[in-house]
């Protein structure tokens, strides 16, 4: 007697190698800005954070991209210098928080 198996029964998942996950700070009750971005995860580590947006009271005040641990590209849509500094500080905190969150709680698993 022959039993047939499906293709799904012949393949096992080993591990998730790479993923892009949309992250935001919606659960941060102390936030001043609404921040969201795409976190690129490779072998459990955040490499780049792309397509970031920063909003205040529903209006976009900045966009950003972060590459590795050293490079941050940010475009401010406000002219006031102190507000630009505040936005940059919030983005840096968001990036650090995103990396910490993903290091301790993988967003995707098999």
PDB file of N, CA and C in Angstrom:
ATOM      1  N   UNK A   1       0.835  -1.157   0.000  1.00  0.00           N
ATOM      2  CA  UNK A   1       0.000   0.000   0.000  1.00  0.00           C
ATOM      3  C   UNK A   1       0.889   1.232   0.000  1.00  0.00           C
ATOM      4  N   UNK A   2       0.594   2.166  -0.833  1.00  0.00           N
ATOM      5  CA  UNK A   2       1.380   3.380  -0.999  1.00  0.00           C
ATOM      6  C   UNK A   2       0.671   4.566  -0.354  1.00  0.00           C
ATOM      7  N   UNK A   3       1.445   5.357   0.374  1.00  0.00           N
ATOM      8  CA  UNK A   3       0.891   6.599   0.908  1.00  0.00           C
ATOM      9  C   UNK A   3       1.591   7.757   0.225  1.00  0.00           C
ATOM     10  N   UNK A   4       0.810   8.703  -0.189  1.00  0.00           N
ATOM     11  CA  UNK A   4       1.411   9.852  -0.852  1.00  0.00           C
ATOM     12  C   UNK A   4       1.518  11.000   0.145  1.00  0.00           C
ATOM     13  N   UNK A   5       2.570  11.790  -0.032  1.00  0.00           N
ATOM     14  CA  UNK A   5       2.754  12.966   0.812  1.00  0.00           C
ATOM     15  C   UNK A   5       2.736  14.199  -0.073  1.00  0.00           C
ATOM     16  N   UNK A   6       2.287  15.270   0.495  1.00  0.00           N
ATOM     17  CA  UNK A   6       2.248  16.517  -0.256  1.00  0.00           C
ATOM     18  C   UNK A   6       3.597  17.207  -0.156  1.00  0.00           C
ATOM     19  N   UNK A   7       3.809  18.174  -1.038  1.00  0.00           N
ATOM     20  CA  UNK A   7       5.057  18.942  -1.013  1.00  0.00           C
ATOM     21  C   UNK A   7       5.242  19.629   0.331  1.00  0.00           C
ATOM     22  N   UNK A   8       4.169  20.129   0.922  1.00  0.00           N
ATOM     23  CA  UNK A   8       4.262  20.819   2.211  1.00  0.00           C
ATOM     24  C   UNK A   8       4.754  19.897   3.314  1.00  0.00           C
ATOM     25  N   UNK A   9       4.492  18.606   3.180  1.00  0.00           N
ATOM     26  CA  UNK A   9       4.937  17.644   4.182  1.00  0.00           C
ATOM     27  C   UNK A   9       6.388  17.221   3.981  1.00  0.00           C
ATOM     28  N   UNK A  10       6.992  17.600   2.870  1.00  0.00           N
ATOM     29  CA  UNK A  10       8.362  17.211   2.561  1.00  0.00           C
ATOM     30  C   UNK A  10       9.386  18.290   2.865  1.00  0.00           C
ATOM     31  N   UNK A  11       8.926  19.475   3.246  1.00  0.00           N
ATOM     32  CA  UNK A  11       9.823  20.613   3.469  1.00  0.00           C
ATOM     33  C   UNK A  11       9.613  21.142   4.878  1.00  0.00           C
ATOM     34  N   UNK A  12      10.735  21.447   5.546  1.00  0.00           N
ATOM     35  CA  UNK A  12      10.663  22.028   6.889  1.00  0.00           C
ATOM     36  C   UNK A  12      11.292  23.416   6.871  1.00  0.00           C
ATOM     37  N   UNK A  13      10.706  24.323   7.625  1.00  0.00           N
ATOM     38  CA  UNK A  13      11.310  25.641   7.802  1.00  0.00           C
ATOM     39  C   UNK A  13      12.494  25.494   8.735  1.00  0.00           C
ATOM     40  N   UNK A  14      13.593  26.142   8.384  1.00  0.00           N
ATOM     41  CA  UNK A  14      14.766  26.110   9.248  1.00  0.00           C
ATOM     42  C   UNK A  14      14.840  27.362  10.104  1.00  0.00           C
ATOM     43  N   UNK A  15      14.894  28.528   9.458  1.00  0.00           N
ATOM     44  CA  UNK A  15      14.905  29.784  10.203  1.00  0.00           C
ATOM     45  C   UNK A  15      14.567  30.926   9.264  1.00  0.00           C
ATOM     46  N   UNK A  16      14.124  32.008   9.856  1.00  0.00           N
ATOM     47  CA  UNK A  16      13.842  33.219   9.105  1.00  0.00           C
ATOM     48  C   UNK A  16      15.147  33.997   8.993  1.00  0.00           C
ATOM     49  N   UNK A  17      15.575  34.306   7.778  1.00  0.00           N
ATOM     50  CA  UNK A  17      16.864  34.956   7.558  1.00  0.00           C
ATOM     51  C   UNK A  17      16.706  36.462   7.411  1.00  0.00           C
ATOM     52  N   UNK A  18      15.714  36.907   6.669  1.00  0.00           N
ATOM     53  CA  UNK A  18      15.572  38.338   6.380  1.00  0.00           C
ATOM     54  C   UNK A  18      14.097  38.717   6.338  1.00  0.00           C
ATOM     55  N   UNK A  19      13.797  39.907   6.899  1.00  0.00           N
ATOM     56  CA  UNK A  19      12.424  40.397   6.882  1.00  0.00           C
ATOM     57  C   UNK A  19      12.441  41.921   6.968  1.00  0.00           C
ATOM     58  N   UNK A  20      11.385  42.544   6.457  1.00  0.00           N
ATOM     59  CA  UNK A  20      11.160  43.970   6.635  1.00  0.00           C
ATOM     60  C   UNK A  20       9.847  44.109   7.389  1.00  0.00           C
ATOM     61  N   UNK A  21       9.912  44.812   8.519  1.00  0.00           N
ATOM     62  CA  UNK A  21       8.749  44.942   9.389  1.00  0.00           C
ATOM     63  C   UNK A  21       8.450  46.423   9.603  1.00  0.00           C
ATOM     64  N   UNK A  22       7.199  46.820   9.410  1.00  0.00           N
ATOM     65  CA  UNK A  22       6.783  48.198   9.677  1.00  0.00           C
ATOM     66  C   UNK A  22       6.643  48.358  11.188  1.00  0.00           C
ATOM     67  N   UNK A  23       7.333  49.336  11.752  1.00  0.00           N
ATOM     68  CA  UNK A  23       7.303  49.588  13.188  1.00  0.00           C
ATOM     69  C   UNK A  23       6.827  51.017  13.449  1.00  0.00           C
ATOM     70  N   UNK A  24       6.251  51.243  14.632  1.00  0.00           N
ATOM     71  CA  UNK A  24       5.818  52.593  14.999  1.00  0.00           C
ATOM     72  C   UNK A  24       5.866  52.753  16.512  1.00  0.00           C
ATOM     73  N   UNK A  25       5.672  53.963  16.961  1.00  0.00           N
ATOM     74  CA  UNK A  25       5.710  54.239  18.401  1.00  0.00           C
ATOM     75  C   UNK A  25       4.316  54.467  18.982  1.00  0.00           C
ATOM     76  N   UNK A  26       3.320  53.838  18.414  1.00  0.00           N
ATOM     77  CA  UNK A  26       1.935  54.052  18.833  1.00  0.00           C
ATOM     78  C   UNK A  26       1.676  53.649  20.282  1.00  0.00           C
ATOM     79  N   UNK A  27       2.499  52.774  20.850  1.00  0.00           N
ATOM     80  CA  UNK A  27       2.293  52.330  22.228  1.00  0.00           C
ATOM     81  C   UNK A  27       3.069  53.174  23.244  1.00  0.00           C
ATOM     82  N   UNK A  28       3.823  54.159  22.780  1.00  0.00           N
ATOM     83  CA  UNK A  28       4.592  55.044  23.662  1.00  0.00           C
ATOM     84  C   UNK A  28       3.681  56.179  24.143  1.00  0.00           C
ATOM     85  N   UNK A  29       3.230  56.085  25.382  1.00  0.00           N
ATOM     86  CA  UNK A  29       2.291  57.077  25.904  1.00  0.00           C
ATOM     87  C   UNK A  29       2.928  58.441  26.130  1.00  0.00           C
ATOM     88  N   UNK A  30       4.261  58.512  26.178  1.00  0.00           N
ATOM     89  CA  UNK A  30       4.938  59.786  26.431  1.00  0.00           C
ATOM     90  C   UNK A  30       5.413  60.471  25.147  1.00  0.00           C
ATOM     91  N   UNK A  31       5.073  59.903  24.001  1.00  0.00           N
ATOM     92  CA  UNK A  31       5.574  60.439  22.731  1.00  0.00           C
ATOM     93  C   UNK A  31       5.015  61.825  22.424  1.00  0.00           C
ATOM     94  N   UNK A  32       5.831  62.628  21.761  1.00  0.00           N
ATOM     95  CA  UNK A  32       5.419  63.938  21.257  1.00  0.00           C
ATOM     96  C   UNK A  32       5.114  63.828  19.772  1.00  0.00           C
ATOM     97  N   UNK A  33       5.844  62.923  19.095  1.00  0.00           N
ATOM     98  CA  UNK A  33       5.723  62.737  17.648  1.00  0.00           C
ATOM     99  C   UNK A  33       5.240  61.321  17.356  1.00  0.00           C
ATOM    100  N   UNK A  34       4.479  61.170  16.282  1.00  0.00           N
ATOM    101  CA  UNK A  34       4.104  59.851  15.771  1.00  0.00           C
ATOM    102  C   UNK A  34       5.158  59.459  14.757  1.00  0.00           C
ATOM    103  N   UNK A  35       5.867  58.361  15.031  1.00  0.00           N
ATOM    104  CA  UNK A  35       6.981  57.938  14.187  1.00  0.00           C
ATOM    105  C   UNK A  35       6.718  56.523  13.702  1.00  0.00           C
ATOM    106  N   UNK A  36       6.989  56.292  12.419  1.00  0.00           N
ATOM    107  CA  UNK A  36       6.905  54.940  11.854  1.00  0.00           C
ATOM    108  C   UNK A  36       7.973  54.781  10.790  1.00  0.00           C
ATOM    109  N   UNK A  37       8.372  53.524  10.559  1.00  0.00           N
ATOM    110  CA  UNK A  37       9.425  53.235   9.577  1.00  0.00           C
ATOM    111  C   UNK A  37       9.446  51.739   9.281  1.00  0.00           C
ATOM    112  N   UNK A  38      10.210  51.368   8.259  1.00  0.00           N
ATOM    113  CA  UNK A  38      10.427  49.973   7.900  1.00  0.00           C
ATOM    114  C   UNK A  38      11.770  49.520   8.471  1.00  0.00           C
ATOM    115  N   UNK A  39      11.740  48.532   9.348  1.00  0.00           N
ATOM    116  CA  UNK A  39      12.969  47.979   9.927  1.00  0.00           C
ATOM    117  C   UNK A  39      13.378  46.746   9.134  1.00  0.00           C
ATOM    118  N   UNK A  40      14.588  46.781   8.585  1.00  0.00           N
ATOM    119  CA  UNK A  40      15.126  45.627   7.855  1.00  0.00           C
ATOM    120  C   UNK A  40      15.894  44.761   8.842  1.00  0.00           C
ATOM    121  N   UNK A  41      15.451  43.512   8.965  1.00  0.00           N
ATOM    122  CA  UNK A  41      16.046  42.587   9.926  1.00  0.00           C
ATOM    123  C   UNK A  41      16.770  41.491   9.160  1.00  0.00           C
ATOM    124  N   UNK A  42      18.023  41.253   9.528  1.00  0.00           N
ATOM    125  CA  UNK A  42      18.830  40.219   8.896  1.00  0.00           C
ATOM    126  C   UNK A  42      19.451  39.372   9.997  1.00  0.00           C
ATOM    127  N   UNK A  43      19.075  38.089  10.047  1.00  0.00           N
ATOM    128  CA  UNK A  43      19.549  37.178  11.079  1.00  0.00           C
ATOM    129  C   UNK A  43      19.310  37.726  12.481  1.00  0.00           C
ATOM    130  N   UNK A  44      18.146  38.321  12.695  1.00  0.00           N
ATOM    131  CA  UNK A  44      17.756  38.797  14.014  1.00  0.00           C
ATOM    132  C   UNK A  44      18.297  40.152  14.421  1.00  0.00           C
ATOM    133  N   UNK A  45      19.006  40.828  13.519  1.00  0.00           N
ATOM    134  CA  UNK A  45      19.609  42.121  13.830  1.00  0.00           C
ATOM    135  C   UNK A  45      19.070  43.177  12.867  1.00  0.00           C
ATOM    136  N   UNK A  46      18.730  44.352  13.412  1.00  0.00           N
ATOM    137  CA  UNK A  46      18.276  45.448  12.568  1.00  0.00           C
ATOM    138  C   UNK A  46      19.476  46.057  11.869  1.00  0.00           C
ATOM    139  N   UNK A  47      19.413  46.125  10.548  1.00  0.00           N
ATOM    140  CA  UNK A  47      20.473  46.762   9.779  1.00  0.00           C
ATOM    141  C   UNK A  47      20.085  48.186   9.446  1.00  0.00           C
ATOM    142  N   UNK A  48      19.090  48.332   8.604  1.00  0.00           N
ATOM    143  CA  UNK A  48      18.633  49.649   8.167  1.00  0.00           C
ATOM    144  C   UNK A  48      17.215  49.898   8.649  1.00  0.00           C
ATOM    145  N   UNK A  49      16.907  51.177   8.821  1.00  0.00           N
ATOM    146  CA  UNK A  49      15.541  51.599   9.109  1.00  0.00           C
ATOM    147  C   UNK A  49      15.199  52.638   8.047  1.00  0.00           C
ATOM    148  N   UNK A  50      14.265  52.274   7.174  1.00  0.00           N
ATOM    149  CA  UNK A  50      13.974  53.077   5.978  1.00  0.00           C
ATOM    150  C   UNK A  50      12.552  53.624   5.977  1.00  0.00           C
ATOM    151  N   UNK A  51      12.354  54.593   5.097  1.00  0.00           N
ATOM    152  CA  UNK A  51      11.027  55.165   4.842  1.00  0.00           C
ATOM    153  C   UNK A  51      10.371  55.666   6.119  1.00  0.00           C
ATOM    154  N   UNK A  52      11.174  56.270   6.985  1.00  0.00           N
ATOM    155  CA  UNK A  52      10.647  56.778   8.242  1.00  0.00           C
ATOM    156  C   UNK A  52       9.903  58.085   8.065  1.00  0.00           C
ATOM    157  N   UNK A  53       8.815  58.225   8.803  1.00  0.00           N
ATOM    158  CA  UNK A  53       8.071  59.482   8.809  1.00  0.00           C
ATOM    159  C   UNK A  53       7.847  59.910  10.253  1.00  0.00           C
ATOM    160  N   UNK A  54       7.842  61.211  10.440  1.00  0.00           N
ATOM    161  CA  UNK A  54       7.581  61.806  11.747  1.00  0.00           C
ATOM    162  C   UNK A  54       6.434  62.787  11.582  1.00  0.00           C
ATOM    163  N   UNK A  55       5.399  62.634  12.412  1.00  0.00           N
ATOM    164  CA  UNK A  55       4.242  63.532  12.357  1.00  0.00           C
ATOM    165  C   UNK A  55       3.989  64.132  13.734  1.00  0.00           C
ATOM    166  N   UNK A  56       3.498  65.354  13.716  1.00  0.00           N
ATOM    167  CA  UNK A  56       3.070  66.020  14.937  1.00  0.00           C
ATOM    168  C   UNK A  56       1.704  66.624  14.664  1.00  0.00           C
ATOM    169  N   UNK A  57       0.750  66.263  15.486  1.00  0.00           N
ATOM    170  CA  UNK A  57      -0.629  66.734  15.311  1.00  0.00           C
ATOM    171  C   UNK A  57      -1.147  66.450  13.904  1.00  0.00           C
ATOM    172  N   UNK A  58      -0.765  65.289  13.338  1.00  0.00           N
ATOM    173  CA  UNK A  58      -1.235  64.864  12.029  1.00  0.00           C
ATOM    174  C   UNK A  58      -0.468  65.407  10.841  1.00  0.00           C
ATOM    175  N   UNK A  59       0.438  66.361  11.069  1.00  0.00           N
ATOM    176  CA  UNK A  59       1.224  66.941   9.970  1.00  0.00           C
ATOM    177  C   UNK A  59       2.619  66.347   9.948  1.00  0.00           C
ATOM    178  N   UNK A  60       3.080  65.992   8.765  1.00  0.00           N
ATOM    179  CA  UNK A  60       4.428  65.437   8.634  1.00  0.00           C
ATOM    180  C   UNK A  60       5.468  66.529   8.885  1.00  0.00           C
ATOM    181  N   UNK A  61       6.368  66.268   9.837  1.00  0.00           N
ATOM    182  CA  UNK A  61       7.393  67.249  10.182  1.00  0.00           C
ATOM    183  C   UNK A  61       8.798  66.795   9.785  1.00  0.00           C
ATOM    184  N   UNK A  62       8.941  65.511   9.401  1.00  0.00           N
ATOM    185  CA  UNK A  62      10.253  65.022   8.963  1.00  0.00           C
ATOM    186  C   UNK A  62      10.112  63.645   8.323  1.00  0.00           C
ATOM    187  N   UNK A  63      11.129  63.305   7.529  1.00  0.00           N
ATOM    188  CA  UNK A  63      11.305  61.953   7.007  1.00  0.00           C
ATOM    189  C   UNK A  63      12.738  61.545   7.314  1.00  0.00           C
ATOM    190  N   UNK A  64      12.990  60.226   7.387  1.00  0.00           N
ATOM    191  CA  UNK A  64      14.350  59.793   7.717  1.00  0.00           C
ATOM    192  C   UNK A  64      14.640  58.386   7.216  1.00  0.00           C
ATOM    193  N   UNK A  65      15.932  58.088   7.125  1.00  0.00           N
ATOM    194  CA  UNK A  65      16.474  56.764   6.851  1.00  0.00           C
ATOM    195  C   UNK A  65      17.703  56.595   7.723  1.00  0.00           C
ATOM    196  N   UNK A  66      17.897  55.397   8.247  1.00  0.00           N
ATOM    197  CA  UNK A  66      19.057  55.100   9.071  1.00  0.00           C
ATOM    198  C   UNK A  66      19.760  53.873   8.489  1.00  0.00           C
ATOM    199  N   UNK A  67      21.073  53.973   8.348  1.00  0.00           N
ATOM    200  CA  UNK A  67      21.858  52.890   7.746  1.00  0.00           C
ATOM    201  C   UNK A  67      22.906  52.421   8.744  1.00  0.00           C
ATOM    202  N   UNK A  68      22.780  51.178   9.192  1.00  0.00           N
ATOM    203  CA  UNK A  68      23.742  50.644  10.154  1.00  0.00           C
ATOM    204  C   UNK A  68      23.643  51.376  11.480  1.00  0.00           C
ATOM    205  N   UNK A  69      24.786  51.528  12.138  1.00  0.00           N
ATOM    206  CA  UNK A  69      24.804  52.159  13.453  1.00  0.00           C
ATOM    207  C   UNK A  69      25.236  53.610  13.425  1.00  0.00           C
ATOM    208  N   UNK A  70      25.719  54.090  12.306  1.00  0.00           N
ATOM    209  CA  UNK A  70      26.341  55.410  12.286  1.00  0.00           C
ATOM    210  C   UNK A  70      25.639  56.451  11.423  1.00  0.00           C
ATOM    211  N   UNK A  71      24.903  56.044  10.433  1.00  0.00           N
ATOM    212  CA  UNK A  71      24.397  56.997   9.443  1.00  0.00           C
ATOM    213  C   UNK A  71      22.907  57.247   9.583  1.00  0.00           C
ATOM    214  N   UNK A  72      22.553  58.519   9.715  1.00  0.00           N
ATOM    215  CA  UNK A  72      21.161  58.944   9.779  1.00  0.00           C
ATOM    216  C   UNK A  72      20.972  60.080   8.794  1.00  0.00           C
ATOM    217  N   UNK A  73      20.015  59.904   7.905  1.00  0.00           N
ATOM    218  CA  UNK A  73      19.638  60.952   6.958  1.00  0.00           C
ATOM    219  C   UNK A  73      18.239  61.412   7.349  1.00  0.00           C
ATOM    220  N   UNK A  74      18.115  62.703   7.680  1.00  0.00           N
ATOM    221  CA  UNK A  74      16.819  63.214   8.113  1.00  0.00           C
ATOM    222  C   UNK A  74      16.514  64.511   7.378  1.00  0.00           C
ATOM    223  N   UNK A  75      15.297  64.636   6.897  1.00  0.00           N
ATOM    224  CA  UNK A  75      14.827  65.840   6.218  1.00  0.00           C
ATOM    225  C   UNK A  75      13.721  66.455   7.060  1.00  0.00           C
ATOM    226  N   UNK A  76      13.990  67.641   7.581  1.00  0.00           N
ATOM    227  CA  UNK A  76      13.016  68.345   8.409  1.00  0.00           C
ATOM    228  C   UNK A  76      12.078  69.167   7.533  1.00  0.00           C
ATOM    229  N   UNK A  77      10.818  69.156   7.889  1.00  0.00           N
ATOM    230  CA  UNK A  77       9.827  69.957   7.191  1.00  0.00           C
ATOM    231  C   UNK A  77       9.373  71.139   8.039  1.00  0.00           C
ATOM    232  N   UNK A  78      10.166  71.461   9.058  1.00  0.00           N
ATOM    233  CA  UNK A  78       9.917  72.629   9.907  1.00  0.00           C
ATOM    234  C   UNK A  78      11.192  73.461   9.941  1.00  0.00           C
ATOM    235  N   UNK A  79      11.056  74.773  10.053  1.00  0.00           N
ATOM    236  CA  UNK A  79      12.214  75.647   9.997  1.00  0.00           C
ATOM    237  C   UNK A  79      12.801  75.998  11.351  1.00  0.00           C
ATOM    238  N   UNK A  80      12.028  75.887  12.413  1.00  0.00           N
ATOM    239  CA  UNK A  80      12.479  76.275  13.742  1.00  0.00           C
ATOM    240  C   UNK A  80      13.575  75.315  14.228  1.00  0.00           C
ATOM    241  N   UNK A  81      14.736  75.841  14.558  1.00  0.00           N
ATOM    242  CA  UNK A  81      15.923  75.025  14.874  1.00  0.00           C
ATOM    243  C   UNK A  81      15.717  74.139  16.096  1.00  0.00           C
ATOM    244  N   UNK A  82      15.093  74.659  17.153  1.00  0.00           N
ATOM    245  CA  UNK A  82      14.890  73.831  18.347  1.00  0.00           C
ATOM    246  C   UNK A  82      13.958  72.663  18.049  1.00  0.00           C
ATOM    247  N   UNK A  83      12.931  72.913  17.231  1.00  0.00           N
ATOM    248  CA  UNK A  83      12.028  71.826  16.842  1.00  0.00           C
ATOM    249  C   UNK A  83      12.784  70.768  16.029  1.00  0.00           C
ATOM    250  N   UNK A  84      13.689  71.198  15.159  1.00  0.00           N
ATOM    251  CA  UNK A  84      14.501  70.245  14.407  1.00  0.00           C
ATOM    252  C   UNK A  84      15.337  69.386  15.355  1.00  0.00           C
ATOM    253  N   UNK A  85      15.933  70.004  16.361  1.00  0.00           N
ATOM    254  CA  UNK A  85      16.715  69.251  17.351  1.00  0.00           C
ATOM    255  C   UNK A  85      15.837  68.258  18.102  1.00  0.00           C
ATOM    256  N   UNK A  86      14.634  68.680  18.480  1.00  0.00           N
ATOM    257  CA  UNK A  86      13.709  67.794  19.188  1.00  0.00           C
ATOM    258  C   UNK A  86      13.298  66.607  18.322  1.00  0.00           C
ATOM    259  N   UNK A  87      13.040  66.869  17.046  1.00  0.00           N
ATOM    260  CA  UNK A  87      12.669  65.796  16.111  1.00  0.00           C
ATOM    261  C   UNK A  87      13.821  64.815  15.958  1.00  0.00           C
ATOM    262  N   UNK A  88      15.028  65.327  15.768  1.00  0.00           N
ATOM    263  CA  UNK A  88      16.194  64.458  15.598  1.00  0.00           C
ATOM    264  C   UNK A  88      16.403  63.592  16.837  1.00  0.00           C
ATOM    265  N   UNK A  89      16.255  64.169  18.023  1.00  0.00           N
ATOM    266  CA  UNK A  89      16.396  63.402  19.264  1.00  0.00           C
ATOM    267  C   UNK A  89      15.326  62.308  19.348  1.00  0.00           C
ATOM    268  N   UNK A  90      14.097  62.632  18.968  1.00  0.00           N
ATOM    269  CA  UNK A  90      13.016  61.647  18.992  1.00  0.00           C
ATOM    270  C   UNK A  90      13.280  60.510  18.008  1.00  0.00           C
ATOM    271  N   UNK A  91      13.797  60.840  16.835  1.00  0.00           N
ATOM    272  CA  UNK A  91      14.115  59.811  15.834  1.00  0.00           C
ATOM    273  C   UNK A  91      15.238  58.909  16.349  1.00  0.00           C
ATOM    274  N   UNK A  92      16.273  59.491  16.935  1.00  0.00           N
ATOM    275  CA  UNK A  92      17.373  58.685  17.476  1.00  0.00           C
ATOM    276  C   UNK A  92      16.882  57.751  18.578  1.00  0.00           C
ATOM    277  N   UNK A  93      16.007  58.235  19.428  1.00  0.00           N
ATOM    278  CA  UNK A  93      15.432  57.390  20.480  1.00  0.00           C
ATOM    279  C   UNK A  93      14.592  56.280  19.873  1.00  0.00           C
ATOM    280  N   UNK A  94      13.786  56.613  18.865  1.00  0.00           N
ATOM    281  CA  UNK A  94      12.951  55.619  18.187  1.00  0.00           C
ATOM    282  C   UNK A  94      13.816  54.516  17.563  1.00  0.00           C
ATOM    283  N   UNK A  95      14.902  54.901  16.917  1.00  0.00           N
ATOM    284  CA  UNK A  95      15.804  53.920  16.299  1.00  0.00           C
ATOM    285  C   UNK A  95      16.395  52.998  17.366  1.00  0.00           C
ATOM    286  N   UNK A  96      16.883  53.574  18.458  1.00  0.00           N
ATOM    287  CA  UNK A  96      17.458  52.762  19.542  1.00  0.00           C
ATOM    288  C   UNK A  96      16.399  51.835  20.147  1.00  0.00           C
ATOM    289  N   UNK A  97      15.201  52.357  20.355  1.00  0.00           N
ATOM    290  CA  UNK A  97      14.119  51.538  20.908  1.00  0.00           C
ATOM    291  C   UNK A  97      13.726  50.410  19.958  1.00  0.00           C
ATOM    292  N   UNK A  98      13.702  50.696  18.666  1.00  0.00           N
ATOM    293  CA  UNK A  98      13.372  49.666  17.674  1.00  0.00           C
ATOM    294  C   UNK A  98      14.404  48.548  17.697  1.00  0.00           C
ATOM    295  N   UNK A  99      15.676  48.912  17.709  1.00  0.00           N
ATOM    296  CA  UNK A  99      16.739  47.897  17.745  1.00  0.00           C
ATOM    297  C   UNK A  99      16.668  47.063  19.020  1.00  0.00           C
ATOM    298  N   UNK A 100      16.399  47.715  20.145  1.00  0.00           N
ATOM    299  CA  UNK A 100      16.298  46.994  21.414  1.00  0.00           C
ATOM    300  C   UNK A 100      15.102  46.043  21.415  1.00  0.00           C
ATOM    301  N   UNK A 101      13.976  46.511  20.906  1.00  0.00           N
ATOM    302  CA  UNK A 101      12.759  45.684  20.861  1.00  0.00           C
ATOM    303  C   UNK A 101      12.984  44.436  20.006  1.00  0.00           C
ATOM    304  N   UNK A 102      13.554  44.623  18.825  1.00  0.00           N
ATOM    305  CA  UNK A 102      13.743  43.491  17.914  1.00  0.00           C
ATOM    306  C   UNK A 102      14.801  42.532  18.442  1.00  0.00           C
ATOM    307  N   UNK A 103      15.801  43.044  19.164  1.00  0.00           N
ATOM    308  CA  UNK A 103      16.837  42.180  19.741  1.00  0.00           C
ATOM    309  C   UNK A 103      16.274  41.260  20.828  1.00  0.00           C
ATOM    310  N   UNK A 104      15.216  41.720  21.509  1.00  0.00           N
ATOM    311  CA  UNK A 104      14.667  40.934  22.613  1.00  0.00           C
ATOM    312  C   UNK A 104      13.362  40.227  22.275  1.00  0.00           C
ATOM    313  N   UNK A 105      12.657  40.700  21.259  1.00  0.00           N
ATOM    314  CA  UNK A 105      11.367  40.102  20.894  1.00  0.00           C
ATOM    315  C   UNK A 105      11.234  40.115  19.381  1.00  0.00           C
ATOM    316  N   UNK A 106      11.618  39.016  18.750  1.00  0.00           N
ATOM    317  CA  UNK A 106      11.539  38.920  17.293  1.00  0.00           C
ATOM    318  C   UNK A 106      10.104  39.108  16.823  1.00  0.00           C
ATOM    319  N   UNK A 107       9.869  39.991  15.839  1.00  0.00           N
ATOM    320  CA  UNK A 107       8.511  40.256  15.390  1.00  0.00           C
ATOM    321  C   UNK A 107       7.913  39.144  14.537  1.00  0.00           C
ATOM    322  N   UNK A 108       8.762  38.277  13.987  1.00  0.00           N
ATOM    323  CA  UNK A 108       8.303  37.230  13.097  1.00  0.00           C
ATOM    324  C   UNK A 108       9.046  35.954  13.471  1.00  0.00           C
ATOM    325  N   UNK A 109       8.331  34.863  13.565  1.00  0.00           N
ATOM    326  CA  UNK A 109       8.981  33.578  13.849  1.00  0.00           C
ATOM    327  C   UNK A 109       8.316  32.483  13.033  1.00  0.00           C
ATOM    328  N   UNK A 110       9.003  31.369  12.960  1.00  0.00           N
ATOM    329  CA  UNK A 110       8.464  30.224  12.224  1.00  0.00           C
ATOM    330  C   UNK A 110       8.026  29.160  13.202  1.00  0.00           C
TER     331      UNK A 110
END
